[in-house]
Amino acid sequence: MAQAVSVGEVKARLSSLVNAVAFGGERFIIQSRGRPKAGLVSVEDLRRVEGTRSGRPSKAQRLLALAQADRLRQALAGLKLTNSVEELARIREGRVRDVS
């Protein structure tokens, strides 16, 4: 669980807090006037939160995306897809007739 620290404390102890995060696995919530403003976490935690690794999706993320796309393709295989512009025009014409 993250520990709350004030901005003033961060200013005074930045080096030790960064080391605690980087090597001790600790996390800190930086507060200003008693309100949370930011978090101090390790680079590893940040990457996990962002879900990225060097700006690229992980292999697991790519495989999951491919599996989801395949399921979607299979679900749509039997459907007749329509031109959305034509379909919207047809719906619009029907509503105009109903109002008139």
PDB file of N, CA and C in Angstrom:
ATOM      1  N   MET A   1       0.842  -1.180   0.000  1.00  0.00           N
ATOM      2  CA  MET A   1       0.000   0.000   0.000  1.00  0.00           C
ATOM      3  C   MET A   1       0.886   1.241   0.000  1.00  0.00           C
ATOM      4  N   ALA A   2       0.464   2.238  -0.716  1.00  0.00           N
ATOM      5  CA  ALA A   2       1.251   3.462  -0.863  1.00  0.00           C
ATOM      6  C   ALA A   2       1.215   4.288   0.422  1.00  0.00           C
ATOM      7  N   GLN A   3       2.341   4.897   0.702  1.00  0.00           N
ATOM      8  CA  GLN A   3       2.447   5.789   1.859  1.00  0.00           C
ATOM      9  C   GLN A   3       2.232   7.221   1.399  1.00  0.00           C
ATOM     10  N   ALA A   4       1.534   8.010   2.196  1.00  0.00           N
ATOM     11  CA  ALA A   4       1.314   9.418   1.869  1.00  0.00           C
ATOM     12  C   ALA A   4       2.490  10.239   2.375  1.00  0.00           C
ATOM     13  N   VAL A   5       2.988  11.131   1.524  1.00  0.00           N
ATOM     14  CA  VAL A   5       4.061  12.058   1.902  1.00  0.00           C
ATOM     15  C   VAL A   5       3.704  13.440   1.373  1.00  0.00           C
ATOM     16  N   SER A   6       4.096  14.466   2.103  1.00  0.00           N
ATOM     17  CA  SER A   6       3.804  15.829   1.676  1.00  0.00           C
ATOM     18  C   SER A   6       4.824  16.288   0.645  1.00  0.00           C
ATOM     19  N   VAL A   7       4.470  17.325  -0.095  1.00  0.00           N
ATOM     20  CA  VAL A   7       5.380  17.886  -1.079  1.00  0.00           C
ATOM     21  C   VAL A   7       6.667  18.336  -0.394  1.00  0.00           C
ATOM     22  N   GLY A   8       6.542  18.947   0.776  1.00  0.00           N
ATOM     23  CA  GLY A   8       7.720  19.394   1.519  1.00  0.00           C
ATOM     24  C   GLY A   8       8.635  18.241   1.887  1.00  0.00           C
ATOM     25  N   GLU A   9       8.037  17.126   2.304  1.00  0.00           N
ATOM     26  CA  GLU A   9       8.834  15.955   2.650  1.00  0.00           C
ATOM     27  C   GLU A   9       9.532  15.395   1.416  1.00  0.00           C
ATOM     28  N   VAL A  10       8.837  15.412   0.276  1.00  0.00           N
ATOM     29  CA  VAL A  10       9.442  14.932  -0.967  1.00  0.00           C
ATOM     30  C   VAL A  10      10.646  15.801  -1.319  1.00  0.00           C
ATOM     31  N   LYS A  11      10.507  17.108  -1.169  1.00  0.00           N
ATOM     32  CA  LYS A  11      11.616  18.015  -1.468  1.00  0.00           C
ATOM     33  C   LYS A  11      12.823  17.701  -0.588  1.00  0.00           C
ATOM     34  N   ALA A  12      12.565  17.418   0.661  1.00  0.00           N
ATOM     35  CA  ALA A  12      13.654  17.173   1.609  1.00  0.00           C
ATOM     36  C   ALA A  12      14.273  15.784   1.447  1.00  0.00           C
ATOM     37  N   ARG A  13      13.466  14.795   1.007  1.00  0.00           N
ATOM     38  CA  ARG A  13      13.937  13.413   0.994  1.00  0.00           C
ATOM     39  C   ARG A  13      13.882  12.771  -0.386  1.00  0.00           C
ATOM     40  N   LEU A  14      13.921  13.545  -1.452  1.00  0.00           N
ATOM     41  CA  LEU A  14      13.710  12.999  -2.786  1.00  0.00           C
ATOM     42  C   LEU A  14      14.618  11.806  -3.090  1.00  0.00           C
ATOM     43  N   SER A  15      15.892  11.940  -2.819  1.00  0.00           N
ATOM     44  CA  SER A  15      16.830  10.869  -3.136  1.00  0.00           C
ATOM     45  C   SER A  15      16.467   9.574  -2.419  1.00  0.00           C
ATOM     46  N   SER A  16      16.187   9.652  -1.133  1.00  0.00           N
ATOM     47  CA  SER A  16      15.863   8.428  -0.381  1.00  0.00           C
ATOM     48  C   SER A  16      14.518   7.847  -0.812  1.00  0.00           C
ATOM     49  N   LEU A  17      13.556   8.703  -1.169  1.00  0.00           N
ATOM     50  CA  LEU A  17      12.259   8.198  -1.632  1.00  0.00           C
ATOM     51  C   LEU A  17      12.400   7.494  -2.986  1.00  0.00           C
ATOM     52  N   VAL A  18      13.186   8.078  -3.878  1.00  0.00           N
ATOM     53  CA  VAL A  18      13.409   7.451  -5.183  1.00  0.00           C
ATOM     54  C   VAL A  18      14.079   6.093  -5.006  1.00  0.00           C
ATOM     55  N   ASN A  19      15.065   6.003  -4.115  1.00  0.00           N
ATOM     56  CA  ASN A  19      15.717   4.713  -3.866  1.00  0.00           C
ATOM     57  C   ASN A  19      14.760   3.708  -3.249  1.00  0.00           C
ATOM     58  N   ALA A  20      13.880   4.158  -2.359  1.00  0.00           N
ATOM     59  CA  ALA A  20      12.899   3.260  -1.746  1.00  0.00           C
ATOM     60  C   ALA A  20      11.946   2.712  -2.801  1.00  0.00           C
ATOM     61  N   VAL A  21      11.605   3.545  -3.774  1.00  0.00           N
ATOM     62  CA  VAL A  21      10.725   3.115  -4.858  1.00  0.00           C
ATOM     63  C   VAL A  21      11.460   2.159  -5.794  1.00  0.00           C
ATOM     64  N   ALA A  22      12.649   2.558  -6.213  1.00  0.00           N
ATOM     65  CA  ALA A  22      13.396   1.780  -7.204  1.00  0.00           C
ATOM     66  C   ALA A  22      13.894   0.441  -6.664  1.00  0.00           C
ATOM     67  N   PHE A  23      14.371   0.438  -5.430  1.00  0.00           N
ATOM     68  CA  PHE A  23      14.995  -0.785  -4.898  1.00  0.00           C
ATOM     69  C   PHE A  23      14.185  -1.476  -3.815  1.00  0.00           C
ATOM     70  N   GLY A  24      13.266  -0.748  -3.190  1.00  0.00           N
ATOM     71  CA  GLY A  24      12.485  -1.342  -2.102  1.00  0.00           C
ATOM     72  C   GLY A  24      11.066  -1.689  -2.482  1.00  0.00           C
ATOM     73  N   GLY A  25      10.669  -1.353  -3.714  1.00  0.00           N
ATOM     74  CA  GLY A  25       9.321  -1.686  -4.170  1.00  0.00           C
ATOM     75  C   GLY A  25       8.234  -0.868  -3.501  1.00  0.00           C
ATOM     76  N   GLU A  26       8.608   0.241  -2.871  1.00  0.00           N
ATOM     77  CA  GLU A  26       7.607   1.069  -2.195  1.00  0.00           C
ATOM     78  C   GLU A  26       6.945   2.018  -3.183  1.00  0.00           C
ATOM     79  N   ARG A  27       5.787   2.526  -2.772  1.00  0.00           N
ATOM     80  CA  ARG A  27       5.040   3.511  -3.567  1.00  0.00           C
ATOM     81  C   ARG A  27       4.626   4.642  -2.642  1.00  0.00           C
ATOM     82  N   PHE A  28       4.598   5.848  -3.202  1.00  0.00           N
ATOM     83  CA  PHE A  28       4.237   7.008  -2.392  1.00  0.00           C
ATOM     84  C   PHE A  28       3.178   7.839  -3.110  1.00  0.00           C
ATOM     85  N   ILE A  29       2.254   8.361  -2.316  1.00  0.00           N
ATOM     86  CA  ILE A  29       1.274   9.328  -2.809  1.00  0.00           C
ATOM     87  C   ILE A  29       1.723  10.684  -2.302  1.00  0.00           C
ATOM     88  N   ILE A  30       1.987  11.585  -3.225  1.00  0.00           N
ATOM     89  CA  ILE A  30       2.461  12.916  -2.855  1.00  0.00           C
ATOM     90  C   ILE A  30       1.243  13.809  -2.656  1.00  0.00           C
ATOM     91  N   GLN A  31       1.180  14.414  -1.462  1.00  0.00           N
ATOM     92  CA  GLN A  31       0.034  15.240  -1.109  1.00  0.00           C
ATOM     93  C   GLN A  31       0.433  16.706  -0.989  1.00  0.00           C
ATOM     94  N   SER A  32      -0.507  17.558  -1.345  1.00  0.00           N
ATOM     95  CA  SER A  32      -0.343  18.987  -1.153  1.00  0.00           C
ATOM     96  C   SER A  32      -1.554  19.470  -0.377  1.00  0.00           C
ATOM     97  N   ARG A  33      -1.280  20.028   0.812  1.00  0.00           N
ATOM     98  CA  ARG A  33      -2.367  20.486   1.694  1.00  0.00           C
ATOM     99  C   ARG A  33      -3.356  19.370   2.014  1.00  0.00           C
ATOM    100  N   GLY A  34      -2.809  18.174   2.186  1.00  0.00           N
ATOM    101  CA  GLY A  34      -3.625  17.031   2.573  1.00  0.00           C
ATOM    102  C   GLY A  34      -4.373  16.353   1.439  1.00  0.00           C
ATOM    103  N   ARG A  35      -4.202  16.853   0.227  1.00  0.00           N
ATOM    104  CA  ARG A  35      -4.901  16.257  -0.917  1.00  0.00           C
ATOM    105  C   ARG A  35      -3.904  15.544  -1.836  1.00  0.00           C
ATOM    106  N   PRO A  36      -4.239  14.337  -2.284  1.00  0.00           N
ATOM    107  CA  PRO A  36      -3.348  13.606  -3.183  1.00  0.00           C
ATOM    108  C   PRO A  36      -3.194  14.345  -4.505  1.00  0.00           C
ATOM    109  N   LYS A  37      -1.945  14.472  -4.962  1.00  0.00           N
ATOM    110  CA  LYS A  37      -1.657  15.184  -6.206  1.00  0.00           C
ATOM    111  C   LYS A  37      -0.951  14.310  -7.235  1.00  0.00           C
ATOM    112  N   ALA A  38      -0.087  13.407  -6.774  1.00  0.00           N
ATOM    113  CA  ALA A  38       0.697  12.593  -7.701  1.00  0.00           C
ATOM    114  C   ALA A  38       1.152  11.328  -6.994  1.00  0.00           C
ATOM    115  N   GLY A  39       1.706  10.420  -7.784  1.00  0.00           N
ATOM    116  CA  GLY A  39       2.251   9.199  -7.222  1.00  0.00           C
ATOM    117  C   GLY A  39       3.703   9.039  -7.611  1.00  0.00           C
ATOM    118  N   LEU A  40       4.455   8.417  -6.740  1.00  0.00           N
ATOM    119  CA  LEU A  40       5.860   8.110  -7.018  1.00  0.00           C
ATOM    120  C   LEU A  40       5.961   6.591  -7.032  1.00  0.00           C
ATOM    121  N   VAL A  41       6.180   6.041  -8.242  1.00  0.00           N
ATOM    122  CA  VAL A  41       6.229   4.590  -8.412  1.00  0.00           C
ATOM    123  C   VAL A  41       7.457   4.224  -9.235  1.00  0.00           C
ATOM    124  N   SER A  42       7.813   2.961  -9.216  1.00  0.00           N
ATOM    125  CA  SER A  42       8.956   2.498  -9.998  1.00  0.00           C
ATOM    126  C   SER A  42       8.617   2.515 -11.488  1.00  0.00           C
ATOM    127  N   VAL A  43       9.643   2.492 -12.297  1.00  0.00           N
ATOM    128  CA  VAL A  43       9.460   2.443 -13.746  1.00  0.00           C
ATOM    129  C   VAL A  43       8.714   1.167 -14.118  1.00  0.00           C
ATOM    130  N   GLU A  44       9.022   0.079 -13.446  1.00  0.00           N
ATOM    131  CA  GLU A  44       8.342  -1.195 -13.702  1.00  0.00           C
ATOM    132  C   GLU A  44       6.842  -1.063 -13.451  1.00  0.00           C
ATOM    133  N   ASP A  45       6.464  -0.443 -12.323  1.00  0.00           N
ATOM    134  CA  ASP A  45       5.049  -0.234 -12.025  1.00  0.00           C
ATOM    135  C   ASP A  45       4.390   0.662 -13.072  1.00  0.00           C
ATOM    136  N   LEU A  46       5.088   1.700 -13.472  1.00  0.00           N
ATOM    137  CA  LEU A  46       4.549   2.616 -14.466  1.00  0.00           C
ATOM    138  C   LEU A  46       4.306   1.897 -15.791  1.00  0.00           C
ATOM    139  N   ARG A  47       5.236   1.094 -16.218  1.00  0.00           N
ATOM    140  CA  ARG A  47       5.057   0.334 -17.465  1.00  0.00           C
ATOM    141  C   ARG A  47       3.866  -0.609 -17.362  1.00  0.00           C
ATOM    142  N   ARG A  48       3.722  -1.236 -16.211  1.00  0.00           N
ATOM    143  CA  ARG A  48       2.597  -2.155 -16.010  1.00  0.00           C
ATOM    144  C   ARG A  48       1.277  -1.398 -16.095  1.00  0.00           C
ATOM    145  N   VAL A  49       1.221  -0.227 -15.474  1.00  0.00           N
ATOM    146  CA  VAL A  49       0.008   0.581 -15.499  1.00  0.00           C
ATOM    147  C   VAL A  49      -0.295   1.057 -16.912  1.00  0.00           C
ATOM    148  N   GLU A  50       0.720   1.504 -17.612  1.00  0.00           N
ATOM    149  CA  GLU A  50       0.527   1.984 -18.972  1.00  0.00           C
ATOM    150  C   GLU A  50       0.276   0.848 -19.949  1.00  0.00           C
ATOM    151  N   GLY A  51       0.626  -0.357 -19.556  1.00  0.00           N
ATOM    152  CA  GLY A  51       0.408  -1.509 -20.416  1.00  0.00           C
ATOM    153  C   GLY A  51       1.320  -1.527 -21.632  1.00  0.00           C
ATOM    154  N   THR A  52       2.459  -0.870 -21.508  1.00  0.00           N
ATOM    155  CA  THR A  52       3.364  -0.827 -22.645  1.00  0.00           C
ATOM    156  C   THR A  52       4.744  -1.296 -22.233  1.00  0.00           C
ATOM    157  N   ARG A  53       5.484  -1.643 -23.233  1.00  0.00           N
ATOM    158  CA  ARG A  53       6.880  -1.993 -23.036  1.00  0.00           C
ATOM    159  C   ARG A  53       7.633  -1.424 -24.215  1.00  0.00           C
ATOM    160  N   SER A  54       8.375  -0.411 -23.988  1.00  0.00           N
ATOM    161  CA  SER A  54       9.122   0.273 -25.049  1.00  0.00           C
ATOM    162  C   SER A  54       8.201   0.800 -26.140  1.00  0.00           C
ATOM    163  N   GLY A  55       7.000   1.204 -25.775  1.00  0.00           N
ATOM    164  CA  GLY A  55       6.075   1.758 -26.748  1.00  0.00           C
ATOM    165  C   GLY A  55       5.363   0.730 -27.598  1.00  0.00           C
ATOM    166  N   ARG A  56       5.660  -0.545 -27.417  1.00  0.00           N
ATOM    167  CA  ARG A  56       5.026  -1.608 -28.194  1.00  0.00           C
ATOM    168  C   ARG A  56       4.188  -2.483 -27.282  1.00  0.00           C
ATOM    169  N   PRO A  57       3.069  -3.003 -27.800  1.00  0.00           N
ATOM    170  CA  PRO A  57       2.295  -3.953 -27.002  1.00  0.00           C
ATOM    171  C   PRO A  57       3.126  -5.220 -26.772  1.00  0.00           C
ATOM    172  N   SER A  58       2.899  -5.853 -25.654  1.00  0.00           N
ATOM    173  CA  SER A  58       3.612  -7.089 -25.364  1.00  0.00           C
ATOM    174  C   SER A  58       3.119  -8.207 -26.283  1.00  0.00           C
ATOM    175  N   LYS A  59       3.843  -9.293 -26.316  1.00  0.00           N
ATOM    176  CA  LYS A  59       3.443 -10.440 -27.138  1.00  0.00           C
ATOM    177  C   LYS A  59       2.078 -10.951 -26.688  1.00  0.00           C
ATOM    178  N   ALA A  60       1.852 -11.004 -25.381  1.00  0.00           N
ATOM    179  CA  ALA A  60       0.563 -11.464 -24.860  1.00  0.00           C
ATOM    180  C   ALA A  60      -0.567 -10.536 -25.307  1.00  0.00           C
ATOM    181  N   GLN A  61      -0.314  -9.222 -25.293  1.00  0.00           N
ATOM    182  CA  GLN A  61      -1.334  -8.269 -25.736  1.00  0.00           C
ATOM    183  C   GLN A  61      -1.633  -8.430 -27.222  1.00  0.00           C
ATOM    184  N   ARG A  62      -0.595  -8.658 -28.030  1.00  0.00           N
ATOM    185  CA  ARG A  62      -0.804  -8.858 -29.464  1.00  0.00           C
ATOM    186  C   ARG A  62      -1.603 -10.134 -29.729  1.00  0.00           C
ATOM    187  N   LEU A  63      -1.269 -11.210 -29.021  1.00  0.00           N
ATOM    188  CA  LEU A  63      -1.993 -12.471 -29.197  1.00  0.00           C
ATOM    189  C   LEU A  63      -3.451 -12.331 -28.774  1.00  0.00           C
ATOM    190  N   LEU A  64      -3.696 -11.606 -27.684  1.00  0.00           N
ATOM    191  CA  LEU A  64      -5.064 -11.378 -27.232  1.00  0.00           C
ATOM    192  C   LEU A  64      -5.849 -10.586 -28.273  1.00  0.00           C
ATOM    193  N   ALA A  65      -5.237  -9.551 -28.838  1.00  0.00           N
ATOM    194  CA  ALA A  65      -5.901  -8.745 -29.865  1.00  0.00           C
ATOM    195  C   ALA A  65      -6.228  -9.591 -31.089  1.00  0.00           C
ATOM    196  N   LEU A  66      -5.300 -10.461 -31.503  1.00  0.00           N
ATOM    197  CA  LEU A  66      -5.556 -11.338 -32.644  1.00  0.00           C
ATOM    198  C   LEU A  66      -6.691 -12.320 -32.359  1.00  0.00           C
ATOM    199  N   ALA A  67      -6.721 -12.862 -31.144  1.00  0.00           N
ATOM    200  CA  ALA A  67      -7.792 -13.792 -30.771  1.00  0.00           C
ATOM    201  C   ALA A  67      -9.144 -13.080 -30.763  1.00  0.00           C
ATOM    202  N   GLN A  68      -9.190 -11.853 -30.252  1.00  0.00           N
ATOM    203  CA  GLN A  68     -10.435 -11.092 -30.234  1.00  0.00           C
ATOM    204  C   GLN A  68     -10.895 -10.765 -31.655  1.00  0.00           C
ATOM    205  N   ALA A  69      -9.950 -10.394 -32.528  1.00  0.00           N
ATOM    206  CA  ALA A  69     -10.292 -10.098 -33.919  1.00  0.00           C
ATOM    207  C   ALA A  69     -10.828 -11.352 -34.612  1.00  0.00           C
ATOM    208  N   ASP A  70     -10.241 -12.495 -34.324  1.00  0.00           N
ATOM    209  CA  ASP A  70     -10.700 -13.748 -34.924  1.00  0.00           C
ATOM    210  C   ASP A  70     -12.116 -14.083 -34.464  1.00  0.00           C
ATOM    211  N   ARG A  71     -12.397 -13.917 -33.166  1.00  0.00           N
ATOM    212  CA  ARG A  71     -13.758 -14.172 -32.656  1.00  0.00           C
ATOM    213  C   ARG A  71     -14.764 -13.228 -33.309  1.00  0.00           C
ATOM    214  N   LEU A  72     -14.390 -11.974 -33.486  1.00  0.00           N
ATOM    215  CA  LEU A  72     -15.269 -11.003 -34.124  1.00  0.00           C
ATOM    216  C   LEU A  72     -15.530 -11.382 -35.581  1.00  0.00           C
ATOM    217  N   ARG A  73     -14.471 -11.802 -36.287  1.00  0.00           N
ATOM    218  CA  ARG A  73     -14.619 -12.247 -37.679  1.00  0.00           C
ATOM    219  C   ARG A  73     -15.588 -13.422 -37.767  1.00  0.00           C
ATOM    220  N   GLN A  74     -15.466 -14.371 -36.851  1.00  0.00           N
ATOM    221  CA  GLN A  74     -16.343 -15.535 -36.851  1.00  0.00           C
ATOM    222  C   GLN A  74     -17.782 -15.138 -36.543  1.00  0.00           C
ATOM    223  N   ALA A  75     -17.969 -14.213 -35.620  1.00  0.00           N
ATOM    224  CA  ALA A  75     -19.316 -13.763 -35.271  1.00  0.00           C
ATOM    225  C   ALA A  75     -19.983 -13.025 -36.430  1.00  0.00           C
ATOM    226  N   LEU A  76     -19.193 -12.318 -37.215  1.00  0.00           N
ATOM    227  CA  LEU A  76     -19.736 -11.541 -38.333  1.00  0.00           C
ATOM    228  C   LEU A  76     -19.834 -12.348 -39.619  1.00  0.00           C
ATOM    229  N   ALA A  77     -19.290 -13.559 -39.627  1.00  0.00           N
ATOM    230  CA  ALA A  77     -19.199 -14.350 -40.859  1.00  0.00           C
ATOM    231  C   ALA A  77     -20.566 -14.569 -41.508  1.00  0.00           C
ATOM    232  N   GLY A  78     -21.603 -14.844 -40.748  1.00  0.00           N
ATOM    233  CA  GLY A  78     -22.918 -15.133 -41.324  1.00  0.00           C
ATOM    234  C   GLY A  78     -23.785 -13.916 -41.528  1.00  0.00           C
ATOM    235  N   LEU A  79     -23.325 -12.752 -41.124  1.00  0.00           N
ATOM    236  CA  LEU A  79     -24.148 -11.551 -41.234  1.00  0.00           C
ATOM    237  C   LEU A  79     -23.970 -10.866 -42.576  1.00  0.00           C
ATOM    238  N   LYS A  80     -25.071 -10.301 -43.058  1.00  0.00           N
ATOM    239  CA  LYS A  80     -24.990  -9.498 -44.275  1.00  0.00           C
ATOM    240  C   LYS A  80     -24.777  -8.062 -43.822  1.00  0.00           C
ATOM    241  N   LEU A  81     -23.638  -7.512 -44.163  1.00  0.00           N
ATOM    242  CA  LEU A  81     -23.333  -6.149 -43.771  1.00  0.00           C
ATOM    243  C   LEU A  81     -23.912  -5.190 -44.801  1.00  0.00           C
ATOM    244  N   THR A  82     -24.449  -4.070 -44.305  1.00  0.00           N
ATOM    245  CA  THR A  82     -25.043  -3.076 -45.187  1.00  0.00           C
ATOM    246  C   THR A  82     -24.180  -1.835 -45.219  1.00  0.00           C
ATOM    247  N   ASN A  83     -24.405  -1.032 -46.222  1.00  0.00           N
ATOM    248  CA  ASN A  83     -23.732   0.245 -46.333  1.00  0.00           C
ATOM    249  C   ASN A  83     -24.385   1.172 -45.308  1.00  0.00           C
ATOM    250  N   SER A  84     -23.636   1.649 -44.343  1.00  0.00           N
ATOM    251  CA  SER A  84     -24.211   2.435 -43.256  1.00  0.00           C
ATOM    252  C   SER A  84     -24.790   3.753 -43.741  1.00  0.00           C
ATOM    253  N   VAL A  85     -24.192   4.357 -44.767  1.00  0.00           N
ATOM    254  CA  VAL A  85     -24.714   5.624 -45.291  1.00  0.00           C
ATOM    255  C   VAL A  85     -26.095   5.395 -45.891  1.00  0.00           C
ATOM    256  N   GLU A  86     -26.231   4.321 -46.667  1.00  0.00           N
ATOM    257  CA  GLU A  86     -27.533   4.008 -47.268  1.00  0.00           C
ATOM    258  C   GLU A  86     -28.556   3.658 -46.195  1.00  0.00           C
ATOM    259  N   GLU A  87     -28.140   2.920 -45.194  1.00  0.00           N
ATOM    260  CA  GLU A  87     -29.048   2.522 -44.117  1.00  0.00           C
ATOM    261  C   GLU A  87     -29.528   3.741 -43.334  1.00  0.00           C
ATOM    262  N   LEU A  88     -28.636   4.668 -43.018  1.00  0.00           N
ATOM    263  CA  LEU A  88     -29.024   5.887 -42.303  1.00  0.00           C
ATOM    264  C   LEU A  88     -29.971   6.738 -43.143  1.00  0.00           C
ATOM    265  N   ALA A  89     -29.727   6.826 -44.446  1.00  0.00           N
ATOM    266  CA  ALA A  89     -30.615   7.585 -45.326  1.00  0.00           C
ATOM    267  C   ALA A  89     -32.010   6.959 -45.338  1.00  0.00           C
ATOM    268  N   ARG A  90     -32.078   5.632 -45.371  1.00  0.00           N
ATOM    269  CA  ARG A  90     -33.373   4.939 -45.357  1.00  0.00           C
ATOM    270  C   ARG A  90     -34.117   5.208 -44.059  1.00  0.00           C
ATOM    271  N   ILE A  91     -33.420   5.152 -42.933  1.00  0.00           N
ATOM    272  CA  ILE A  91     -34.045   5.404 -41.632  1.00  0.00           C
ATOM    273  C   ILE A  91     -34.529   6.854 -41.561  1.00  0.00           C
ATOM    274  N   ARG A  92     -33.694   7.766 -42.025  1.00  0.00           N
ATOM    275  CA  ARG A  92     -34.056   9.188 -42.011  1.00  0.00           C
ATOM    276  C   ARG A  92     -35.316   9.434 -42.845  1.00  0.00           C
ATOM    277  N   GLU A  93     -35.389   8.846 -44.038  1.00  0.00           N
ATOM    278  CA  GLU A  93     -36.564   9.010 -44.904  1.00  0.00           C
ATOM    279  C   GLU A  93     -37.820   8.481 -44.223  1.00  0.00           C
ATOM    280  N   GLY A  94     -37.692   7.359 -43.542  1.00  0.00           N
ATOM    281  CA  GLY A  94     -38.840   6.782 -42.829  1.00  0.00           C
ATOM    282  C   GLY A  94     -39.310   7.701 -41.714  1.00  0.00           C
ATOM    283  N   ARG A  95     -38.405   8.300 -41.006  1.00  0.00           N
ATOM    284  CA  ARG A  95     -38.805   9.219 -39.918  1.00  0.00           C
ATOM    285  C   ARG A  95     -39.440  10.480 -40.462  1.00  0.00           C
ATOM    286  N   VAL A  96     -38.931  10.978 -41.590  1.00  0.00           N
ATOM    287  CA  VAL A  96     -39.511  12.164 -42.207  1.00  0.00           C
ATOM    288  C   VAL A  96     -40.931  11.878 -42.651  1.00  0.00           C
ATOM    289  N   ARG A  97     -41.151  10.690 -43.236  1.00  0.00           N
ATOM    290  CA  ARG A  97     -42.516  10.299 -43.640  1.00  0.00           C
ATOM    291  C   ARG A  97     -43.432  10.208 -42.440  1.00  0.00           C
ATOM    292  N   ASP A  98     -42.941   9.657 -41.312  1.00  0.00           N
ATOM    293  CA  ASP A  98     -43.769   9.512 -40.116  1.00  0.00           C
ATOM    294  C   ASP A  98     -44.172  10.863 -39.541  1.00  0.00           C
ATOM    295  N   VAL A  99     -43.293  11.844 -39.628  1.00  0.00           N
ATOM    296  CA  VAL A  99     -43.561  13.179 -39.087  1.00  0.00           C
ATOM    297  C   VAL A  99     -44.518  13.943 -40.001  1.00  0.00           C
ATOM    298  N   SER A 100     -44.424  13.715 -41.315  1.00  0.00           N
ATOM    299  CA  SER A 100     -45.224  14.467 -42.286  1.00  0.00           C
ATOM    300  C   SER A 100     -46.675  14.068 -42.275  1.00  0.00           C
TER     301      SER A 100
END
